[in-house]
Amino acid sequence: MGLKDKLKECGSDMLFEAVLTLENMEECYAFFEDLCTATELTAMAQRFHVAYLLKKDVIYNEIAAKTGASTATISRVNKSLIYGEDGYKTAISRLIEQSKLPDDWK
């Protein structure tokens, strides 16, 4: 059983449907503040930033210094970029296309 199957078993479809209903940044902040702890949300944001930097071919030491991520986290994100479902790649590509990356990420 793959991760997608395991996620579907725990009702993730409805969680993802709920996320897709959010219309703006304010609604996202409210939803995720209710859903996650600050530590969980910070970890997810950090992993996404790491993925972006890896896509730009930034080296591990620079990524660790810029994001505060451990090399283990950086390695895990890199494995997802190489062997994963392209979720990071899709989101990063769309943010680039829409010019929605913050200046300090560029």
N, C-alpha and C. Protein backbone atom coordinates (compact mmCIF):
# COMPACT_ATOMS: atom_id res chain seq x y z
N MET A 1 0.85 -1.19 0.00
CA MET A 1 0.00 0.00 0.00
C MET A 1 0.89 1.24 0.00
N GLY A 2 0.67 2.12 -0.97
CA GLY A 2 1.46 3.34 -1.07
C GLY A 2 0.95 4.43 -0.16
N LEU A 3 1.71 5.50 -0.07
CA LEU A 3 1.35 6.62 0.80
C LEU A 3 0.01 7.22 0.41
N LYS A 4 -0.25 7.36 -0.88
CA LYS A 4 -1.54 7.91 -1.31
C LYS A 4 -2.69 7.08 -0.76
N ASP A 5 -2.57 5.74 -0.82
CA ASP A 5 -3.61 4.87 -0.30
C ASP A 5 -3.77 5.04 1.20
N LYS A 6 -2.67 5.14 1.91
CA LYS A 6 -2.72 5.33 3.36
C LYS A 6 -3.37 6.66 3.71
N LEU A 7 -3.03 7.71 2.96
CA LEU A 7 -3.63 9.01 3.20
C LEU A 7 -5.13 9.00 2.94
N LYS A 8 -5.53 8.33 1.88
CA LYS A 8 -6.96 8.26 1.56
C LYS A 8 -7.72 7.53 2.66
N GLU A 9 -7.10 6.52 3.26
CA GLU A 9 -7.75 5.78 4.33
C GLU A 9 -8.05 6.66 5.54
N CYS A 10 -7.23 7.67 5.77
CA CYS A 10 -7.44 8.50 6.95
C CYS A 10 -8.25 9.76 6.64
N GLY A 11 -8.90 9.81 5.49
CA GLY A 11 -9.78 10.92 5.18
C GLY A 11 -9.09 12.15 4.61
N SER A 12 -7.93 11.97 4.06
CA SER A 12 -7.19 13.11 3.52
C SER A 12 -7.90 13.80 2.37
N ASP A 13 -8.70 13.07 1.62
CA ASP A 13 -9.42 13.69 0.50
C ASP A 13 -10.19 14.92 0.98
N MET A 14 -10.88 14.80 2.09
CA MET A 14 -11.68 15.94 2.57
C MET A 14 -10.78 17.07 3.05
N LEU A 15 -9.64 16.75 3.64
CA LEU A 15 -8.69 17.80 4.03
C LEU A 15 -8.21 18.55 2.79
N PHE A 16 -7.84 17.82 1.75
CA PHE A 16 -7.36 18.45 0.53
C PHE A 16 -8.47 19.24 -0.16
N GLU A 17 -9.69 18.72 -0.12
CA GLU A 17 -10.83 19.47 -0.67
C GLU A 17 -11.01 20.78 0.10
N ALA A 18 -10.85 20.73 1.40
CA ALA A 18 -10.99 21.94 2.22
C ALA A 18 -9.92 22.96 1.84
N VAL A 19 -8.68 22.50 1.66
CA VAL A 19 -7.59 23.41 1.27
C VAL A 19 -7.92 24.06 -0.08
N LEU A 20 -8.44 23.28 -1.00
CA LEU A 20 -8.75 23.81 -2.33
C LEU A 20 -9.88 24.85 -2.30
N THR A 21 -10.66 24.91 -1.22
CA THR A 21 -11.72 25.92 -1.13
C THR A 21 -11.21 27.28 -0.64
N LEU A 22 -10.01 27.31 -0.09
CA LEU A 22 -9.48 28.56 0.46
C LEU A 22 -9.20 29.54 -0.68
N GLU A 23 -9.62 30.80 -0.49
CA GLU A 23 -9.60 31.76 -1.58
C GLU A 23 -8.50 32.80 -1.51
N ASN A 24 -7.88 32.96 -0.35
CA ASN A 24 -6.83 33.98 -0.25
C ASN A 24 -5.88 33.65 0.89
N MET A 25 -4.83 34.44 0.99
CA MET A 25 -3.79 34.21 1.99
C MET A 25 -4.35 34.28 3.41
N GLU A 26 -5.24 35.22 3.66
CA GLU A 26 -5.83 35.37 4.99
C GLU A 26 -6.58 34.10 5.41
N GLU A 27 -7.35 33.53 4.48
CA GLU A 27 -8.07 32.28 4.77
C GLU A 27 -7.08 31.13 5.00
N CYS A 28 -6.01 31.11 4.23
CA CYS A 28 -4.99 30.06 4.43
C CYS A 28 -4.37 30.17 5.81
N TYR A 29 -3.99 31.38 6.20
CA TYR A 29 -3.41 31.55 7.54
C TYR A 29 -4.38 31.10 8.62
N ALA A 30 -5.64 31.48 8.50
CA ALA A 30 -6.63 31.09 9.52
C ALA A 30 -6.80 29.58 9.57
N PHE A 31 -6.93 28.95 8.41
CA PHE A 31 -7.14 27.50 8.35
C PHE A 31 -5.94 26.75 8.93
N PHE A 32 -4.75 27.11 8.46
CA PHE A 32 -3.57 26.37 8.91
C PHE A 32 -3.21 26.68 10.35
N GLU A 33 -3.56 27.85 10.84
CA GLU A 33 -3.35 28.14 12.26
C GLU A 33 -4.24 27.25 13.11
N ASP A 34 -5.46 27.00 12.64
CA ASP A 34 -6.36 26.10 13.36
C ASP A 34 -5.91 24.64 13.23
N LEU A 35 -5.39 24.28 12.07
CA LEU A 35 -5.06 22.90 11.77
C LEU A 35 -3.73 22.43 12.37
N CYS A 36 -2.72 23.29 12.33
CA CYS A 36 -1.36 22.89 12.68
C CYS A 36 -0.84 23.66 13.88
N THR A 37 0.16 23.07 14.52
CA THR A 37 0.91 23.83 15.51
C THR A 37 1.88 24.73 14.76
N ALA A 38 2.40 25.73 15.44
CA ALA A 38 3.38 26.62 14.81
C ALA A 38 4.60 25.83 14.36
N THR A 39 5.01 24.85 15.15
CA THR A 39 6.17 24.02 14.81
C THR A 39 5.91 23.21 13.55
N GLU A 40 4.72 22.61 13.43
CA GLU A 40 4.39 21.83 12.24
C GLU A 40 4.38 22.69 10.98
N LEU A 41 3.76 23.85 11.08
CA LEU A 41 3.67 24.74 9.92
C LEU A 41 5.05 25.28 9.53
N THR A 42 5.85 25.61 10.53
CA THR A 42 7.21 26.08 10.26
C THR A 42 8.02 24.99 9.57
N ALA A 43 7.87 23.75 9.99
CA ALA A 43 8.60 22.64 9.37
C ALA A 43 8.18 22.44 7.92
N MET A 44 6.89 22.54 7.65
CA MET A 44 6.42 22.38 6.27
C MET A 44 6.94 23.52 5.39
N ALA A 45 6.87 24.74 5.90
CA ALA A 45 7.36 25.89 5.13
C ALA A 45 8.86 25.76 4.88
N GLN A 46 9.59 25.30 5.88
CA GLN A 46 11.02 25.12 5.72
C GLN A 46 11.34 24.08 4.65
N ARG A 47 10.62 22.96 4.66
CA ARG A 47 10.85 21.92 3.65
C ARG A 47 10.56 22.44 2.24
N PHE A 48 9.53 23.26 2.10
CA PHE A 48 9.21 23.82 0.79
C PHE A 48 10.32 24.76 0.33
N HIS A 49 10.83 25.57 1.24
CA HIS A 49 11.94 26.48 0.90
C HIS A 49 13.17 25.66 0.50
N VAL A 50 13.45 24.60 1.23
CA VAL A 50 14.57 23.72 0.90
C VAL A 50 14.39 23.15 -0.51
N ALA A 51 13.18 22.70 -0.84
CA ALA A 51 12.92 22.15 -2.17
C ALA A 51 13.21 23.18 -3.25
N TYR A 52 12.78 24.40 -3.03
CA TYR A 52 13.04 25.46 -4.00
C TYR A 52 14.55 25.66 -4.19
N LEU A 53 15.28 25.73 -3.10
CA LEU A 53 16.73 25.95 -3.19
C LEU A 53 17.43 24.77 -3.86
N LEU A 54 16.98 23.56 -3.57
CA LEU A 54 17.55 22.39 -4.25
C LEU A 54 17.30 22.46 -5.75
N LYS A 55 16.10 22.88 -6.15
CA LYS A 55 15.79 23.02 -7.57
C LYS A 55 16.70 24.05 -8.24
N LYS A 56 17.18 25.02 -7.46
CA LYS A 56 18.10 26.03 -7.99
C LYS A 56 19.55 25.56 -7.91
N ASP A 57 19.76 24.31 -7.51
CA ASP A 57 21.10 23.72 -7.39
C ASP A 57 21.98 24.38 -6.34
N VAL A 58 21.36 24.89 -5.28
CA VAL A 58 22.12 25.43 -4.15
C VAL A 58 22.66 24.24 -3.36
N ILE A 59 23.89 24.36 -2.86
CA ILE A 59 24.50 23.24 -2.13
C ILE A 59 23.95 23.14 -0.71
N TYR A 60 24.05 21.92 -0.16
CA TYR A 60 23.47 21.62 1.15
C TYR A 60 23.90 22.62 2.23
N ASN A 61 25.19 22.94 2.31
CA ASN A 61 25.66 23.85 3.37
C ASN A 61 25.01 25.22 3.27
N GLU A 62 24.86 25.72 2.06
CA GLU A 62 24.20 27.02 1.88
C GLU A 62 22.72 26.94 2.23
N ILE A 63 22.08 25.83 1.86
CA ILE A 63 20.67 25.65 2.19
C ILE A 63 20.48 25.60 3.70
N ALA A 64 21.35 24.85 4.38
CA ALA A 64 21.28 24.74 5.85
C ALA A 64 21.45 26.11 6.49
N ALA A 65 22.41 26.89 5.98
CA ALA A 65 22.65 28.22 6.55
C ALA A 65 21.48 29.16 6.30
N LYS A 66 20.89 29.08 5.11
CA LYS A 66 19.80 30.00 4.74
C LYS A 66 18.49 29.64 5.43
N THR A 67 18.21 28.33 5.58
CA THR A 67 16.89 27.91 6.08
C THR A 67 16.90 27.41 7.52
N GLY A 68 18.07 27.02 8.01
CA GLY A 68 18.14 26.41 9.34
C GLY A 68 17.80 24.93 9.32
N ALA A 69 17.57 24.37 8.14
CA ALA A 69 17.23 22.94 8.02
C ALA A 69 18.47 22.08 8.27
N SER A 70 18.25 20.93 8.84
CA SER A 70 19.34 19.98 9.03
C SER A 70 19.68 19.32 7.71
N THR A 71 20.87 18.76 7.61
CA THR A 71 21.24 18.06 6.39
C THR A 71 20.34 16.84 6.19
N ALA A 72 19.84 16.25 7.26
CA ALA A 72 18.91 15.12 7.14
C ALA A 72 17.61 15.58 6.48
N THR A 73 17.10 16.73 6.87
CA THR A 73 15.89 17.26 6.25
C THR A 73 16.14 17.60 4.79
N ILE A 74 17.27 18.21 4.51
CA ILE A 74 17.61 18.57 3.14
C ILE A 74 17.69 17.31 2.28
N SER A 75 18.31 16.27 2.81
CA SER A 75 18.44 15.00 2.09
C SER A 75 17.07 14.38 1.83
N ARG A 76 16.19 14.43 2.83
CA ARG A 76 14.84 13.87 2.68
C ARG A 76 14.06 14.61 1.59
N VAL A 77 14.15 15.93 1.59
CA VAL A 77 13.47 16.72 0.57
C VAL A 77 14.07 16.42 -0.81
N ASN A 78 15.38 16.27 -0.88
CA ASN A 78 16.03 15.95 -2.14
C ASN A 78 15.55 14.61 -2.69
N LYS A 79 15.38 13.64 -1.81
CA LYS A 79 14.85 12.34 -2.24
C LYS A 79 13.43 12.49 -2.80
N SER A 80 12.64 13.34 -2.18
CA SER A 80 11.29 13.58 -2.68
C SER A 80 11.32 14.23 -4.06
N LEU A 81 12.27 15.13 -4.26
CA LEU A 81 12.39 15.77 -5.57
C LEU A 81 12.80 14.77 -6.64
N ILE A 82 13.64 13.82 -6.27
CA ILE A 82 14.14 12.85 -7.24
C ILE A 82 13.15 11.71 -7.47
N TYR A 83 12.62 11.15 -6.38
CA TYR A 83 11.81 9.94 -6.47
C TYR A 83 10.33 10.14 -6.16
N GLY A 84 9.95 11.37 -5.81
CA GLY A 84 8.59 11.62 -5.36
C GLY A 84 7.58 11.76 -6.49
N GLU A 85 6.47 12.35 -6.16
CA GLU A 85 5.33 12.48 -7.06
C GLU A 85 5.31 13.82 -7.80
N ASP A 86 6.38 14.59 -7.71
CA ASP A 86 6.52 15.89 -8.38
C ASP A 86 5.63 16.98 -7.79
N GLY A 87 5.19 16.79 -6.57
CA GLY A 87 4.37 17.82 -5.92
C GLY A 87 5.14 19.11 -5.69
N TYR A 88 6.37 18.98 -5.17
CA TYR A 88 7.20 20.17 -4.99
C TYR A 88 7.42 20.86 -6.33
N LYS A 89 7.81 20.08 -7.33
CA LYS A 89 8.13 20.64 -8.65
C LYS A 89 6.93 21.38 -9.25
N THR A 90 5.76 20.81 -9.13
CA THR A 90 4.55 21.44 -9.66
C THR A 90 4.30 22.78 -8.99
N ALA A 91 4.33 22.79 -7.67
CA ALA A 91 4.04 24.01 -6.92
C ALA A 91 5.10 25.08 -7.19
N ILE A 92 6.36 24.68 -7.20
CA ILE A 92 7.44 25.64 -7.44
C ILE A 92 7.31 26.23 -8.84
N SER A 93 7.07 25.39 -9.83
CA SER A 93 6.92 25.86 -11.21
C SER A 93 5.78 26.86 -11.33
N ARG A 94 4.67 26.58 -10.67
CA ARG A 94 3.52 27.48 -10.75
C ARG A 94 3.80 28.81 -10.06
N LEU A 95 4.49 28.77 -8.93
CA LEU A 95 4.83 30.02 -8.25
C LEU A 95 5.78 30.86 -9.10
N ILE A 96 6.72 30.21 -9.77
CA ILE A 96 7.64 30.92 -10.66
C ILE A 96 6.86 31.54 -11.82
N GLU A 97 5.98 30.76 -12.44
CA GLU A 97 5.17 31.24 -13.57
C GLU A 97 4.33 32.45 -13.17
N GLN A 98 3.82 32.43 -11.94
CA GLN A 98 2.94 33.49 -11.47
C GLN A 98 3.71 34.62 -10.78
N SER A 99 5.03 34.53 -10.77
CA SER A 99 5.89 35.54 -10.12
C SER A 99 5.47 35.77 -8.67
N LYS A 100 5.25 34.68 -7.95
CA LYS A 100 4.79 34.81 -6.57
C LYS A 100 5.84 34.39 -5.54
N LEU A 101 7.09 34.27 -5.95
CA LEU A 101 8.13 33.93 -4.99
C LEU A 101 8.61 35.19 -4.28
N PRO A 102 8.82 35.11 -2.96
CA PRO A 102 9.31 36.29 -2.25
C PRO A 102 10.71 36.67 -2.73
N ASP A 103 11.05 37.94 -2.64
CA ASP A 103 12.34 38.43 -3.12
C ASP A 103 13.52 37.72 -2.45
N ASP A 104 13.39 37.39 -1.16
CA ASP A 104 14.52 36.76 -0.48
C ASP A 104 14.70 35.29 -0.87
N TRP A 105 13.81 34.73 -1.69
CA TRP A 105 13.96 33.37 -2.20
C TRP A 105 14.64 33.36 -3.55
N LYS A 106 14.61 34.47 -4.26
CA LYS A 106 15.09 34.53 -5.65
C LYS A 106 16.59 34.55 -5.71
